[in-house]
Amino acid sequence: MKPNYYVHETAVIDDGCDIGINTKIWHFSHIMTDCSIGEHCNIGQNVVISPQVIIGDNVKIQNNVSVYTGVTCEDDVFLGPSCVFTNVVNPRSGVNRRGQYSKTNVGKGATIGANATIVCGHDIGTYAFIGAGAVVTKNIKPYALVVGNPAKQIGWMSEYGHRLEFDKEGIAVCPESNEKYKLDNQQVFKTQPVKKEF
């Protein structure tokens, strides 16, 4: 029976994978056993998805990314080219630490920029934005914008990927979607969207 997703002829799909409809898996990628990939995902060239990884719907994984056991990506996550996950905090070649993997959850709508590194055991909040080349060594709040090594928060991002500028009442409006956000006690929440004027 023909699968309801696309796999390039050079990709390797192990038995026991769960792959959603309309997902595309491109050149030289390897999808390993017992992982789950949602619907409408795009898995770029030379990507490895390790056993027991869970990938939500509409996730875009760019070229040269390895998603290791212990990582979960919720819906609408973007993983930039060559970004890196780890899953052991103290790896040694001569010490077998299989089964001691730390867990990392990437929240809905989050973006991880090209060449960023996510040190295992730290969660990425919903709609957080990790800048290119950042090294994440702690949990990241929802909507936070972080850059650098080690990654530091420098602002907040909207769900459409625009930097939010808050007024003295702690209100910001996304310039693309007109959705309104509230900053309260160093947390950002989306409020009711602002209606566009015609």
C-alpha atoms as a PDB file:
ATOM      1  CA  MET A   1       0.000   0.000   0.000  1.00  0.00           C
ATOM      2  CA  LYS A   2       1.412   3.381  -1.037  1.00  0.00           C
ATOM      3  CA  PRO A   3       2.122   5.733   1.914  1.00  0.00           C
ATOM      4  CA  ASN A   4       0.178   8.997   2.161  1.00  0.00           C
ATOM      5  CA  TYR A   5       3.389  10.971   2.685  1.00  0.00           C
ATOM      6  CA  TYR A   6       6.378  11.654   0.402  1.00  0.00           C
ATOM      7  CA  VAL A   7       9.807  10.060   0.865  1.00  0.00           C
ATOM      8  CA  HIS A   8      12.733  10.810  -1.441  1.00  0.00           C
ATOM      9  CA  GLU A   9      14.325   7.684  -2.855  1.00  0.00           C
ATOM     10  CA  THR A  10      17.591   8.329  -0.969  1.00  0.00           C
ATOM     11  CA  ALA A  11      15.918   8.623   2.450  1.00  0.00           C
ATOM     12  CA  VAL A  12      15.837   5.674   4.874  1.00  0.00           C
ATOM     13  CA  ILE A  13      12.663   4.970   6.837  1.00  0.00           C
ATOM     14  CA  ASP A  14      13.002   2.254   9.483  1.00  0.00           C
ATOM     15  CA  ASP A  15      10.140  -0.067  10.386  1.00  0.00           C
ATOM     16  CA  GLY A  16       7.900   1.027  13.245  1.00  0.00           C
ATOM     17  CA  CYS A  17       7.710   4.758  12.450  1.00  0.00           C
ATOM     18  CA  ASP A  18       4.460   6.712  12.569  1.00  0.00           C
ATOM     19  CA  ILE A  19       4.433   9.377   9.828  1.00  0.00           C
ATOM     20  CA  GLY A  20       1.468  11.689   9.222  1.00  0.00           C
ATOM     21  CA  ILE A  21      -0.239  12.497   5.943  1.00  0.00           C
ATOM     22  CA  ASN A  22       1.279  15.009   3.527  1.00  0.00           C
ATOM     23  CA  THR A  23       4.638  15.012   5.318  1.00  0.00           C
ATOM     24  CA  LYS A  24       7.681  15.288   3.032  1.00  0.00           C
ATOM     25  CA  ILE A  25      11.037  13.635   3.811  1.00  0.00           C
ATOM     26  CA  TRP A  26      13.915  14.709   1.604  1.00  0.00           C
ATOM     27  CA  HIS A  27      17.345  13.540   0.410  1.00  0.00           C
ATOM     28  CA  PHE A  28      19.558  11.319   2.602  1.00  0.00           C
ATOM     29  CA  SER A  29      17.433  11.680   5.734  1.00  0.00           C
ATOM     30  CA  HIS A  30      17.041   8.806   8.212  1.00  0.00           C
ATOM     31  CA  ILE A  31      13.837   8.287  10.171  1.00  0.00           C
ATOM     32  CA  MET A  32      14.528   5.725  12.894  1.00  0.00           C
ATOM     33  CA  THR A  33      12.223   3.175  14.465  1.00  0.00           C
ATOM     34  CA  ASP A  34       9.586   4.045  17.076  1.00  0.00           C
ATOM     35  CA  CYS A  35       9.479   7.769  16.352  1.00  0.00           C
ATOM     36  CA  SER A  36       6.362   9.775  15.555  1.00  0.00           C
ATOM     37  CA  ILE A  37       6.125  12.544  12.945  1.00  0.00           C
ATOM     38  CA  GLY A  38       2.897  14.495  12.519  1.00  0.00           C
ATOM     39  CA  GLU A  39       0.999  15.685   9.477  1.00  0.00           C
ATOM     40  CA  HIS A  40       2.153  18.303   6.946  1.00  0.00           C
ATOM     41  CA  CYS A  41       5.765  18.297   8.177  1.00  0.00           C
ATOM     42  CA  ASN A  42       8.789  19.049   6.015  1.00  0.00           C
ATOM     43  CA  ILE A  43      11.955  17.105   6.855  1.00  0.00           C
ATOM     44  CA  GLY A  44      14.915  18.565   4.961  1.00  0.00           C
ATOM     45  CA  GLN A  45      18.050  17.000   3.545  1.00  0.00           C
ATOM     46  CA  ASN A  46      20.417  14.954   5.753  1.00  0.00           C
ATOM     47  CA  VAL A  47      18.129  14.975   8.817  1.00  0.00           C
ATOM     48  CA  VAL A  48      18.160  12.228  11.458  1.00  0.00           C
ATOM     49  CA  ILE A  49      15.109  11.581  13.644  1.00  0.00           C
ATOM     50  CA  SER A  50      16.132   9.198  16.438  1.00  0.00           C
ATOM     51  CA  PRO A  51      13.987   6.524  18.133  1.00  0.00           C
ATOM     52  CA  GLN A  52      11.127   7.710  20.377  1.00  0.00           C
ATOM     53  CA  VAL A  53      11.319  11.313  19.165  1.00  0.00           C
ATOM     54  CA  ILE A  54       7.898  12.960  18.868  1.00  0.00           C
ATOM     55  CA  ILE A  55       7.327  15.591  16.183  1.00  0.00           C
ATOM     56  CA  GLY A  56       3.982  17.420  16.014  1.00  0.00           C
ATOM     57  CA  ASP A  57       2.051  18.677  12.985  1.00  0.00           C
ATOM     58  CA  ASN A  58       3.355  21.293  10.524  1.00  0.00           C
ATOM     59  CA  VAL A  59       6.925  21.125  11.849  1.00  0.00           C
ATOM     60  CA  LYS A  60       9.649  22.330   9.485  1.00  0.00           C
ATOM     61  CA  ILE A  61      13.102  20.801   9.987  1.00  0.00           C
ATOM     62  CA  GLN A  62      15.776  22.314   7.771  1.00  0.00           C
ATOM     63  CA  ASN A  63      18.889  20.585   6.391  1.00  0.00           C
ATOM     64  CA  ASN A  64      21.511  18.864   8.572  1.00  0.00           C
ATOM     65  CA  VAL A  65      19.529  18.634  11.825  1.00  0.00           C
ATOM     66  CA  SER A  66      19.683  15.631  14.166  1.00  0.00           C
ATOM     67  CA  VAL A  67      16.763  15.289  16.574  1.00  0.00           C
ATOM     68  CA  TYR A  68      17.881  12.870  19.272  1.00  0.00           C
ATOM     69  CA  THR A  69      15.959  10.576  21.609  1.00  0.00           C
ATOM     70  CA  GLY A  70      14.463  12.630  24.440  1.00  0.00           C
ATOM     71  CA  VAL A  71      13.381  15.543  22.225  1.00  0.00           C
ATOM     72  CA  THR A  72       9.742  16.456  21.616  1.00  0.00           C
ATOM     73  CA  CYS A  73       8.681  19.175  19.175  1.00  0.00           C
ATOM     74  CA  GLU A  74       5.098  20.412  19.419  1.00  0.00           C
ATOM     75  CA  ASP A  75       3.050  21.691  16.450  1.00  0.00           C
ATOM     76  CA  ASP A  76       4.344  24.467  14.158  1.00  0.00           C
ATOM     77  CA  VAL A  77       7.973  24.325  15.360  1.00  0.00           C
ATOM     78  CA  PHE A  78      10.729  25.576  13.023  1.00  0.00           C
ATOM     79  CA  LEU A  79      14.207  24.029  13.350  1.00  0.00           C
ATOM     80  CA  GLY A  80      16.757  26.046  11.368  1.00  0.00           C
ATOM     81  CA  PRO A  81      19.619  24.598   9.310  1.00  0.00           C
ATOM     82  CA  SER A  82      22.259  22.711  11.306  1.00  0.00           C
ATOM     83  CA  CYS A  83      20.757  23.484  14.699  1.00  0.00           C
ATOM     84  CA  VAL A  84      21.868  21.003  17.350  1.00  0.00           C
ATOM     85  CA  PHE A  85      20.205  19.096  20.178  1.00  0.00           C
ATOM     86  CA  THR A  86      22.051  17.120  22.829  1.00  0.00           C
ATOM     87  CA  ASN A  87      20.568  14.428  25.062  1.00  0.00           C
ATOM     88  CA  VAL A  88      23.314  13.579  27.575  1.00  0.00           C
ATOM     89  CA  VAL A  89      24.783  16.228  29.887  1.00  0.00           C
ATOM     90  CA  ASN A  90      28.108  14.445  30.486  1.00  0.00           C
ATOM     91  CA  PRO A  91      28.900  12.243  27.464  1.00  0.00           C
ATOM     92  CA  ARG A  92      31.982  10.032  27.436  1.00  0.00           C
ATOM     93  CA  SER A  93      32.878   7.685  24.625  1.00  0.00           C
ATOM     94  CA  GLY A  94      33.952   5.000  27.100  1.00  0.00           C
ATOM     95  CA  VAL A  95      30.821   5.228  29.287  1.00  0.00           C
ATOM     96  CA  ASN A  96      27.489   3.827  28.061  1.00  0.00           C
ATOM     97  CA  ARG A  97      24.734   6.271  29.019  1.00  0.00           C
ATOM     98  CA  ARG A  98      21.927   4.824  26.918  1.00  0.00           C
ATOM     99  CA  GLY A  99      18.708   5.143  28.842  1.00  0.00           C
ATOM    100  CA  GLN A 100      19.987   8.200  30.733  1.00  0.00           C
ATOM    101  CA  TYR A 101      18.809  10.708  28.148  1.00  0.00           C
ATOM    102  CA  SER A 102      17.611  14.087  29.388  1.00  0.00           C
ATOM    103  CA  LYS A 103      14.336  15.365  27.933  1.00  0.00           C
ATOM    104  CA  THR A 104      13.871  18.571  25.955  1.00  0.00           C
ATOM    105  CA  ASN A 105      10.493  19.930  24.874  1.00  0.00           C
ATOM    106  CA  VAL A 106      10.184  22.539  22.148  1.00  0.00           C
ATOM    107  CA  GLY A 107       6.846  24.341  22.590  1.00  0.00           C
ATOM    108  CA  LYS A 108       4.251  25.066  19.943  1.00  0.00           C
ATOM    109  CA  GLY A 109       5.290  27.616  17.341  1.00  0.00           C
ATOM    110  CA  ALA A 110       8.865  28.028  18.616  1.00  0.00           C
ATOM    111  CA  THR A 111      11.719  28.871  16.246  1.00  0.00           C
ATOM    112  CA  ILE A 112      15.282  27.642  16.668  1.00  0.00           C
ATOM    113  CA  GLY A 113      17.690  29.515  14.411  1.00  0.00           C
ATOM    114  CA  ALA A 114      20.463  28.147  12.220  1.00  0.00           C
ATOM    115  CA  ASN A 115      23.423  26.621  14.091  1.00  0.00           C
ATOM    116  CA  ALA A 116      21.821  27.140  17.509  1.00  0.00           C
ATOM    117  CA  THR A 117      22.610  24.543  20.189  1.00  0.00           C
ATOM    118  CA  ILE A 118      20.023  23.350  22.710  1.00  0.00           C
ATOM    119  CA  VAL A 119      21.723  21.751  25.709  1.00  0.00           C
ATOM    120  CA  CYS A 120      19.508  18.895  26.879  1.00  0.00           C
ATOM    121  CA  GLY A 121      17.124  19.124  29.813  1.00  0.00           C
ATOM    122  CA  HIS A 122      15.997  22.671  28.998  1.00  0.00           C
ATOM    123  CA  ASP A 123      12.566  23.396  27.580  1.00  0.00           C
ATOM    124  CA  ILE A 124      11.777  25.991  24.932  1.00  0.00           C
ATOM    125  CA  GLY A 125       8.518  27.873  25.598  1.00  0.00           C
ATOM    126  CA  THR A 126       5.708  28.322  23.102  1.00  0.00           C
ATOM    127  CA  TYR A 127       6.528  30.810  20.337  1.00  0.00           C
ATOM    128  CA  ALA A 128       9.996  31.450  21.751  1.00  0.00           C
ATOM    129  CA  PHE A 129      12.587  32.606  19.233  1.00  0.00           C
ATOM    130  CA  ILE A 130      16.157  31.288  19.520  1.00  0.00           C
ATOM    131  CA  GLY A 131      18.554  33.383  17.451  1.00  0.00           C
ATOM    132  CA  ALA A 132      21.048  31.880  15.001  1.00  0.00           C
ATOM    133  CA  GLY A 133      24.114  30.472  16.746  1.00  0.00           C
ATOM    134  CA  ALA A 134      22.673  30.794  20.260  1.00  0.00           C
ATOM    135  CA  VAL A 135      23.620  28.235  22.925  1.00  0.00           C
ATOM    136  CA  VAL A 136      20.659  27.504  25.203  1.00  0.00           C
ATOM    137  CA  THR A 137      21.675  26.430  28.710  1.00  0.00           C
ATOM    138  CA  LYS A 138      18.424  27.068  30.622  1.00  0.00           C
ATOM    139  CA  ASN A 139      14.648  26.987  30.169  1.00  0.00           C
ATOM    140  CA  ILE A 140      13.287  29.634  27.792  1.00  0.00           C
ATOM    141  CA  LYS A 141      10.016  31.464  28.502  1.00  0.00           C
ATOM    142  CA  PRO A 142       7.124  31.560  26.031  1.00  0.00           C
ATOM    143  CA  TYR A 143       7.523  34.363  23.442  1.00  0.00           C
ATOM    144  CA  ALA A 144      11.098  35.091  24.612  1.00  0.00           C
ATOM    145  CA  LEU A 145      13.759  36.254  22.143  1.00  0.00           C
ATOM    146  CA  VAL A 146      17.199  34.918  23.105  1.00  0.00           C
ATOM    147  CA  VAL A 147      20.602  35.273  21.440  1.00  0.00           C
ATOM    148  CA  GLY A 148      24.262  34.635  22.171  1.00  0.00           C
ATOM    149  CA  ASN A 149      26.494  32.154  23.978  1.00  0.00           C
ATOM    150  CA  PRO A 150      25.250  31.454  26.550  1.00  0.00           C
ATOM    151  CA  ALA A 151      21.838  32.549  25.297  1.00  0.00           C
ATOM    152  CA  LYS A 152      20.378  35.619  27.016  1.00  0.00           C
ATOM    153  CA  GLN A 153      16.940  37.085  26.620  1.00  0.00           C
ATOM    154  CA  ILE A 154      16.917  40.440  24.825  1.00  0.00           C
ATOM    155  CA  GLY A 155      13.192  40.847  24.161  1.00  0.00           C
ATOM    156  CA  TRP A 156       9.900  39.257  23.188  1.00  0.00           C
ATOM    157  CA  MET A 157       8.479  38.006  19.886  1.00  0.00           C
ATOM    158  CA  SER A 158       4.956  37.780  18.505  1.00  0.00           C
ATOM    159  CA  GLU A 159       3.488  34.585  17.093  1.00  0.00           C
ATOM    160  CA  TYR A 160       4.163  36.028  13.622  1.00  0.00           C
ATOM    161  CA  GLY A 161       7.856  36.468  14.415  1.00  0.00           C
ATOM    162  CA  HIS A 162       8.053  40.224  15.035  1.00  0.00           C
ATOM    163  CA  ARG A 163       9.817  41.828  17.960  1.00  0.00           C
ATOM    164  CA  LEU A 164       7.311  43.252  20.419  1.00  0.00           C
ATOM    165  CA  GLU A 165       7.664  46.817  21.731  1.00  0.00           C
ATOM    166  CA  PHE A 166       5.669  47.272  24.947  1.00  0.00           C
ATOM    167  CA  ASP A 167       4.252  50.633  26.045  1.00  0.00           C
ATOM    168  CA  LYS A 168       4.243  51.851  29.647  1.00  0.00           C
ATOM    169  CA  GLU A 169       1.041  49.879  30.285  1.00  0.00           C
ATOM    170  CA  GLY A 170       2.783  46.710  29.155  1.00  0.00           C
ATOM    171  CA  ILE A 171       0.837  46.396  25.885  1.00  0.00           C
ATOM    172  CA  ALA A 172       2.320  45.589  22.470  1.00  0.00           C
ATOM    173  CA  VAL A 173       0.720  44.996  19.073  1.00  0.00           C
ATOM    174  CA  CYS A 174       2.174  42.732  16.383  1.00  0.00           C
ATOM    175  CA  PRO A 175       2.639  44.883  13.248  1.00  0.00           C
ATOM    176  CA  GLU A 176       1.661  42.026  10.925  1.00  0.00           C
ATOM    177  CA  SER A 177      -1.270  40.328  12.655  1.00  0.00           C
ATOM    178  CA  ASN A 178      -2.525  43.235  14.819  1.00  0.00           C
ATOM    179  CA  GLU A 179      -2.761  40.788  17.712  1.00  0.00           C
ATOM    180  CA  LYS A 180      -2.288  42.363  21.125  1.00  0.00           C
ATOM    181  CA  TYR A 181       0.126  41.121  23.809  1.00  0.00           C
ATOM    182  CA  LYS A 182       0.422  41.907  27.511  1.00  0.00           C
ATOM    183  CA  LEU A 183       3.670  41.895  29.532  1.00  0.00           C
ATOM    184  CA  ASP A 184       2.972  41.150  33.179  1.00  0.00           C
ATOM    185  CA  ASN A 185       5.499  40.045  35.810  1.00  0.00           C
ATOM    186  CA  GLN A 186       8.074  39.132  33.142  1.00  0.00           C
ATOM    187  CA  GLN A 187       5.615  36.884  31.301  1.00  0.00           C
ATOM    188  CA  VAL A 188       3.945  37.601  27.965  1.00  0.00           C
ATOM    189  CA  PHE A 189       0.349  36.658  27.158  1.00  0.00           C
ATOM    190  CA  LYS A 190      -1.621  37.153  23.973  1.00  0.00           C
ATOM    191  CA  THR A 191      -4.877  39.016  24.559  1.00  0.00           C
ATOM    192  CA  GLN A 192      -7.756  39.565  22.140  1.00  0.00           C
ATOM    193  CA  PRO A 193      -6.615  40.482  18.611  1.00  0.00           C
ATOM    194  CA  VAL A 194      -6.983  44.086  17.510  1.00  0.00           C
ATOM    195  CA  LYS A 195      -9.467  44.488  14.655  1.00  0.00           C
ATOM    196  CA  LYS A 196      -7.962  45.944  11.517  1.00  0.00           C
ATOM    197  CA  GLU A 197      -9.465  49.193  10.276  1.00  0.00           C
ATOM    198  CA  PHE A 198     -10.567  49.387   6.662  1.00  0.00           C
END
